Amino acid sequence: MALRTITLPVRGDGKGNNVLAHAVVLAKRFDAHITVLHCRARPNDMMPFGVPIPRMMRDQLMESATKLADEEEQALHTEFSALIKAMEIEERGPVSGTPSASWQEAAGRQIDVLKHHGRLADLICVAKPDRDRNLGSNTLKAALFASGRPVLMCPPREDIPLTLGQHVAIGWNGSIEAARAVALSMPLIEGADKVTILSAGEEIHGATCEDLIAYLALAGVHASLDRLEAKGSIGRALLEHTVSSGADMLIMGAYGDSHERETVFGGNTQVVVDQAMIPVILVH
């Protein structure tokens, strides 16, 4: 298995540079192609809903919205090209065996764009949401629930990560979401130098940690087991043990309970989303 395609949706919120830096590290490591996907709002979607507007004013608003979208697209594309060059990766179409990146424009709602362009990506990279500023939550939600693909949530950082995925930790509880996370992240797991399985106790939902170790061994992956004691939040314990184990990435199933319930009541996934300062692969 290989990691060949990485999709990175951008919306002009200032978080794309950091996410691109994470994606480039993986692209260089796996000779993958990055598609930077600009989700461009359609002028009609920006019109007030249910409010009658005179034809002349509507035409003026449509023209202004189109011009604004054009300017944003041009600015983002120019910035992307400069960053790609600085990160020493070629801007071009995908070529097997060579890391590369390209810009793609897609008009429409972000969830629809990710449905169309994300479902054949080996990995989707998004920024860690900033709940205080209400930025990024919809992007993460769209990527997780509309694509069916693994999503790398990238935390904010000032420097470009030097390594990513050399030592991965897997949060395991035997659930369907955890099983999907392992299955869809096998290119990263097989490409890691070290794999650590993190478990907070008995796997009451299905396969045990020992079953997972045996499964990974068939793929030539030697994994060690770290049983953690979660005296409080399991999500927080997963993050702490990932860091203390020396892993640079956590892989886990996401939102076993509904997204709405976890957001309101603070489930394990929501704790990880809110508090992670390490890259996390989430799979629903």
Protein backbone atom coordinates (compact mmCIF):
# COMPACT_ATOMS: atom_id res chain seq x y z
CA MET A 1 0.00 0.00 0.00
CA ALA A 2 1.15 3.54 -0.69
CA LEU A 3 0.23 7.10 0.08
CA ARG A 4 -0.10 8.69 -3.35
CA THR A 5 -2.65 11.51 -3.13
CA ILE A 6 -3.10 14.22 -0.52
CA THR A 7 -5.94 16.74 -0.69
CA LEU A 8 -5.74 20.06 1.14
CA PRO A 9 -8.89 22.25 1.11
CA VAL A 10 -8.26 25.98 1.58
CA ARG A 11 -10.66 28.86 2.19
CA GLY A 12 -8.48 31.91 2.83
CA ASP A 13 -8.61 31.70 6.64
CA GLY A 14 -4.84 32.05 7.09
CA LYS A 15 -4.32 28.44 8.22
CA GLY A 16 -3.35 26.93 4.87
CA ASN A 17 0.40 27.59 5.13
CA ASN A 18 0.79 25.47 8.25
CA VAL A 19 -1.29 22.63 6.83
CA LEU A 20 0.66 22.74 3.57
CA ALA A 21 3.93 22.40 5.51
CA HIS A 22 2.66 19.17 7.10
CA ALA A 23 1.43 17.87 3.74
CA VAL A 24 4.77 18.57 2.05
CA VAL A 25 6.66 16.52 4.66
CA LEU A 26 4.45 13.52 3.85
CA ALA A 27 4.57 14.13 0.10
CA LYS A 28 8.37 14.08 0.14
CA ARG A 29 8.45 10.97 2.27
CA PHE A 30 5.96 8.98 0.18
CA ASP A 31 6.51 10.62 -3.25
CA ALA A 32 2.89 11.73 -3.12
CA HIS A 33 0.97 14.43 -4.98
CA ILE A 34 -0.72 17.27 -3.10
CA THR A 35 -3.86 18.84 -4.54
CA VAL A 36 -4.50 22.22 -2.93
CA LEU A 37 -8.24 22.60 -3.36
CA HIS A 38 -9.59 26.13 -3.21
CA CYS A 39 -13.28 26.02 -2.28
CA ARG A 40 -14.60 29.10 -4.03
CA ALA A 41 -17.95 30.48 -2.96
CA ARG A 42 -20.47 30.92 -5.76
CA PRO A 43 -21.95 34.43 -6.03
CA ASN A 44 -25.49 33.05 -5.75
CA ASP A 45 -24.60 31.42 -2.43
CA MET A 46 -23.56 34.81 -1.06
CA MET A 47 -26.91 36.48 -1.77
CA PRO A 48 -29.31 37.08 1.16
CA PHE A 49 -31.80 34.22 1.34
CA GLY A 50 -35.48 35.06 1.22
CA VAL A 51 -34.91 38.79 0.83
CA PRO A 52 -36.28 40.41 -2.35
CA ILE A 53 -33.57 42.46 -4.09
CA PRO A 54 -34.06 44.75 -7.11
CA ARG A 55 -32.54 43.32 -10.30
CA MET A 56 -30.02 46.15 -10.69
CA MET A 57 -28.79 45.82 -7.12
CA ARG A 58 -28.60 42.04 -7.44
CA ASP A 59 -26.46 42.35 -10.58
CA GLN A 60 -24.14 44.77 -8.76
CA LEU A 61 -23.84 42.42 -5.78
CA MET A 62 -23.13 39.46 -8.07
CA GLU A 63 -20.45 41.41 -9.92
CA SER A 64 -18.85 42.53 -6.65
CA ALA A 65 -18.91 38.98 -5.21
CA THR A 66 -17.32 37.55 -8.36
CA LYS A 67 -14.58 40.18 -8.33
CA LEU A 68 -13.88 39.51 -4.65
CA ALA A 69 -13.69 35.75 -5.28
CA ASP A 70 -11.31 36.31 -8.21
CA GLU A 71 -9.01 38.47 -6.08
CA GLU A 72 -8.99 35.95 -3.24
CA GLU A 73 -8.24 33.09 -5.60
CA GLN A 74 -5.36 34.94 -7.26
CA ALA A 75 -3.84 35.95 -3.91
CA LEU A 76 -4.07 32.42 -2.51
CA HIS A 77 -2.66 30.83 -5.66
CA THR A 78 0.28 33.26 -5.71
CA GLU A 79 0.99 32.53 -2.05
CA PHE A 80 0.72 28.78 -2.67
CA SER A 81 3.19 28.92 -5.56
CA ALA A 82 5.71 30.83 -3.45
CA LEU A 83 5.38 28.39 -0.55
CA ILE A 84 5.74 25.34 -2.78
CA LYS A 85 8.92 26.79 -4.26
CA ALA A 86 10.31 27.62 -0.80
CA MET A 87 9.55 24.08 0.40
CA GLU A 88 11.46 22.66 -2.59
CA ILE A 89 8.63 20.77 -4.22
CA GLU A 90 7.52 21.12 -7.84
CA GLU A 91 4.21 22.69 -8.84
CA ARG A 92 2.86 20.41 -11.54
CA GLY A 93 0.46 17.55 -12.16
CA PRO A 94 0.97 14.18 -10.47
CA VAL A 95 3.88 12.05 -11.65
CA SER A 96 4.39 8.60 -10.16
CA GLY A 97 7.44 8.36 -7.91
CA THR A 98 7.97 12.11 -7.54
CA PRO A 99 6.59 14.50 -4.89
CA SER A 100 4.57 17.32 -6.44
CA ALA A 101 1.73 19.76 -5.83
CA SER A 102 -0.94 21.47 -7.88
CA TRP A 103 -3.66 24.09 -7.43
CA GLN A 104 -7.28 23.28 -8.22
CA GLU A 105 -10.27 25.61 -8.18
CA ALA A 106 -13.72 24.26 -7.27
CA ALA A 107 -16.83 26.39 -6.89
CA GLY A 108 -19.56 25.48 -4.44
CA ARG A 109 -20.21 24.60 -0.84
CA GLN A 110 -17.21 23.10 0.90
CA ILE A 111 -19.03 19.92 1.87
CA ASP A 112 -20.05 19.33 -1.78
CA VAL A 113 -16.53 20.08 -3.02
CA LEU A 114 -15.05 17.56 -0.57
CA LYS A 115 -17.63 14.95 -1.54
CA HIS A 116 -16.53 15.29 -5.15
CA HIS A 117 -12.77 15.71 -4.76
CA GLY A 118 -12.00 14.11 -1.39
CA ARG A 119 -13.32 10.59 -1.75
CA LEU A 120 -10.41 9.39 -3.88
CA ALA A 121 -7.74 11.06 -1.74
CA ASP A 122 -5.49 8.82 0.33
CA LEU A 123 -5.39 11.59 2.93
CA ILE A 124 -7.14 14.92 3.53
CA CYS A 125 -5.21 17.55 5.50
CA VAL A 126 -7.01 20.25 7.48
CA ALA A 127 -6.12 22.73 10.20
CA LYS A 128 -6.96 22.10 13.83
CA PRO A 129 -10.17 24.05 14.46
CA ASP A 130 -10.02 27.24 16.49
CA ARG A 131 -13.25 27.11 18.47
CA ASP A 132 -12.64 30.49 20.12
CA ARG A 133 -12.60 32.18 16.69
CA ASN A 134 -15.09 29.72 15.15
CA LEU A 135 -12.62 28.78 12.40
CA GLY A 136 -12.05 25.36 10.89
CA SER A 137 -14.78 23.30 12.55
CA ASN A 138 -16.91 23.10 9.41
CA THR A 139 -13.88 22.10 7.32
CA LEU A 140 -12.97 19.27 9.68
CA LYS A 141 -16.59 18.14 9.89
CA ALA A 142 -17.00 18.19 6.09
CA ALA A 143 -13.77 16.25 5.55
CA LEU A 144 -14.68 13.61 8.14
CA PHE A 145 -18.33 13.05 7.33
CA ALA A 146 -18.47 13.76 3.58
CA SER A 147 -15.39 11.95 2.27
CA GLY A 148 -15.06 8.63 4.08
CA ARG A 149 -11.28 9.14 3.99
CA PRO A 150 -8.64 9.61 6.73
CA VAL A 151 -8.23 13.23 7.83
CA LEU A 152 -4.95 14.63 9.17
CA MET A 153 -5.68 17.43 11.65
CA CYS A 154 -2.63 19.70 11.79
CA PRO A 155 -1.99 21.76 14.94
CA PRO A 156 -0.64 25.30 14.64
CA ARG A 157 3.14 25.64 14.86
CA GLU A 158 5.71 28.27 13.96
CA ASP A 159 8.28 25.98 12.32
CA ILE A 160 7.97 23.42 9.56
CA PRO A 161 7.92 19.86 10.97
CA LEU A 162 11.08 17.96 10.07
CA THR A 163 9.52 14.53 10.42
CA LEU A 164 5.99 13.22 10.41
CA GLY A 165 4.77 9.66 10.77
CA GLN A 166 8.09 8.08 11.70
CA HIS A 167 6.64 6.90 15.02
CA VAL A 168 2.85 6.56 15.01
CA ALA A 169 0.58 5.81 17.94
CA ILE A 170 -2.75 4.05 17.37
CA GLY A 171 -5.63 4.66 19.76
CA TRP A 172 -7.41 1.29 19.96
CA ASN A 173 -10.68 0.25 21.60
CA GLY A 174 -11.87 -2.34 19.11
CA SER A 175 -14.61 -0.08 17.74
CA ILE A 176 -15.70 0.19 14.11
CA GLU A 177 -14.20 3.69 13.90
CA ALA A 178 -10.84 2.46 15.26
CA ALA A 179 -10.84 -0.45 12.80
CA ARG A 180 -11.52 1.93 9.90
CA ALA A 181 -8.76 4.23 11.10
CA VAL A 182 -6.25 1.37 10.99
CA ALA A 183 -7.44 0.05 7.63
CA LEU A 184 -7.40 3.46 5.90
CA SER A 185 -4.10 4.52 7.49
CA MET A 186 -2.11 1.40 6.59
CA PRO A 187 0.24 3.29 4.21
CA LEU A 188 1.30 5.49 7.13
CA ILE A 189 1.45 2.57 9.56
CA GLU A 190 3.51 0.41 7.20
CA GLY A 191 5.79 3.36 6.44
CA ALA A 192 6.48 4.15 10.10
CA ASP A 193 9.74 3.19 11.78
CA LYS A 194 7.89 2.48 15.03
CA VAL A 195 4.26 1.75 15.92
CA THR A 196 2.76 1.96 19.40
CA ILE A 197 -0.77 0.81 20.24
CA LEU A 198 -2.48 2.78 23.02
CA SER A 199 -5.33 1.17 24.94
CA ALA A 200 -7.27 2.46 27.95
CA GLY A 201 -8.52 -0.95 29.01
CA GLU A 202 -10.56 -3.89 27.77
CA GLU A 203 -11.74 -3.68 24.19
CA ILE A 204 -15.42 -4.25 24.87
CA HIS A 205 -16.50 -3.36 21.33
CA GLY A 206 -14.61 -6.00 19.35
CA ALA A 207 -11.06 -7.08 18.48
CA THR A 208 -8.44 -6.89 21.23
CA CYS A 209 -5.05 -5.20 21.16
CA GLU A 210 -3.44 -8.60 20.77
CA ASP A 211 -5.64 -9.23 17.73
CA LEU A 212 -4.49 -5.91 16.26
CA ILE A 213 -0.82 -6.72 16.91
CA ALA A 214 -1.26 -10.05 15.08
CA TYR A 215 -3.08 -8.34 12.21
CA LEU A 216 -0.33 -5.76 11.76
CA ALA A 217 2.34 -8.46 11.94
CA LEU A 218 0.88 -10.02 8.80
CA ALA A 219 1.71 -6.73 7.04
CA GLY A 220 5.26 -6.84 8.39
CA VAL A 221 4.57 -4.23 11.09
CA HIS A 222 5.93 -4.86 14.57
CA ALA A 223 3.79 -2.96 17.08
CA SER A 224 4.26 -2.55 20.81
CA LEU A 225 1.42 -2.15 23.33
CA ASP A 226 1.08 0.65 25.88
CA ARG A 227 -1.86 0.21 28.25
CA LEU A 228 -2.71 3.56 29.78
CA GLU A 229 -4.66 4.40 32.89
CA ALA A 230 -7.18 7.10 32.16
CA LYS A 231 -8.16 8.62 35.49
CA GLY A 232 -10.08 11.33 33.72
CA SER A 233 -10.59 11.93 30.01
CA ILE A 234 -9.48 9.10 27.72
CA GLY A 235 -8.94 11.62 24.95
CA ARG A 236 -6.54 13.63 27.09
CA ALA A 237 -4.75 10.44 28.19
CA LEU A 238 -4.29 9.42 24.53
CA LEU A 239 -2.67 12.76 23.73
CA GLU A 240 -0.41 12.64 26.79
CA HIS A 241 0.75 9.06 26.13
CA THR A 242 1.33 9.78 22.44
CA VAL A 243 3.72 12.56 23.42
CA SER A 244 5.39 10.61 26.25
CA SER A 245 5.93 7.59 23.98
CA GLY A 246 7.82 9.78 21.52
CA ALA A 247 5.27 9.33 18.72
CA ASP A 248 4.88 12.23 16.28
CA MET A 249 1.38 11.27 15.12
CA LEU A 250 -1.78 9.76 16.64
CA ILE A 251 -4.18 7.61 14.59
CA MET A 252 -7.68 7.10 16.00
CA GLY A 253 -11.34 6.57 15.18
CA ALA A 254 -13.49 9.67 15.46
CA TYR A 255 -16.95 10.42 16.80
CA GLY A 256 -18.21 6.99 17.78
CA ASP A 257 -21.02 9.01 19.33
CA SER A 258 -22.60 11.66 17.13
CA HIS A 259 -20.61 14.82 16.40
CA GLU A 260 -23.38 16.94 17.92
CA ARG A 261 -23.46 14.93 21.15
CA GLU A 262 -19.67 14.99 21.57
CA THR A 263 -19.51 18.72 20.84
CA VAL A 264 -22.10 19.44 23.53
CA PHE A 265 -21.07 16.91 26.14
CA GLY A 266 -17.33 16.70 25.46
CA GLY A 267 -16.66 13.17 24.17
CA ASN A 268 -13.18 11.73 23.71
CA THR A 269 -12.86 12.81 20.08
CA GLN A 270 -13.90 16.36 20.87
CA VAL A 271 -11.29 16.53 23.64
CA VAL A 272 -8.61 15.46 21.15
CA VAL A 273 -9.84 17.97 18.54
CA ASP A 274 -9.83 20.78 21.10
CA GLN A 275 -6.57 19.99 22.90
CA ALA A 276 -4.24 18.24 20.42
CA MET A 277 -0.88 19.89 19.85
CA ILE A 278 0.35 16.98 17.72
CA PRO A 279 -0.84 15.84 14.27
CA VAL A 280 -3.81 13.46 14.54
CA ILE A 281 -5.29 11.17 11.90
CA LEU A 282 -9.07 10.98 12.43
CA VAL A 283 -11.38 8.51 10.68
CA HIS A 284 -15.15 8.28 11.10
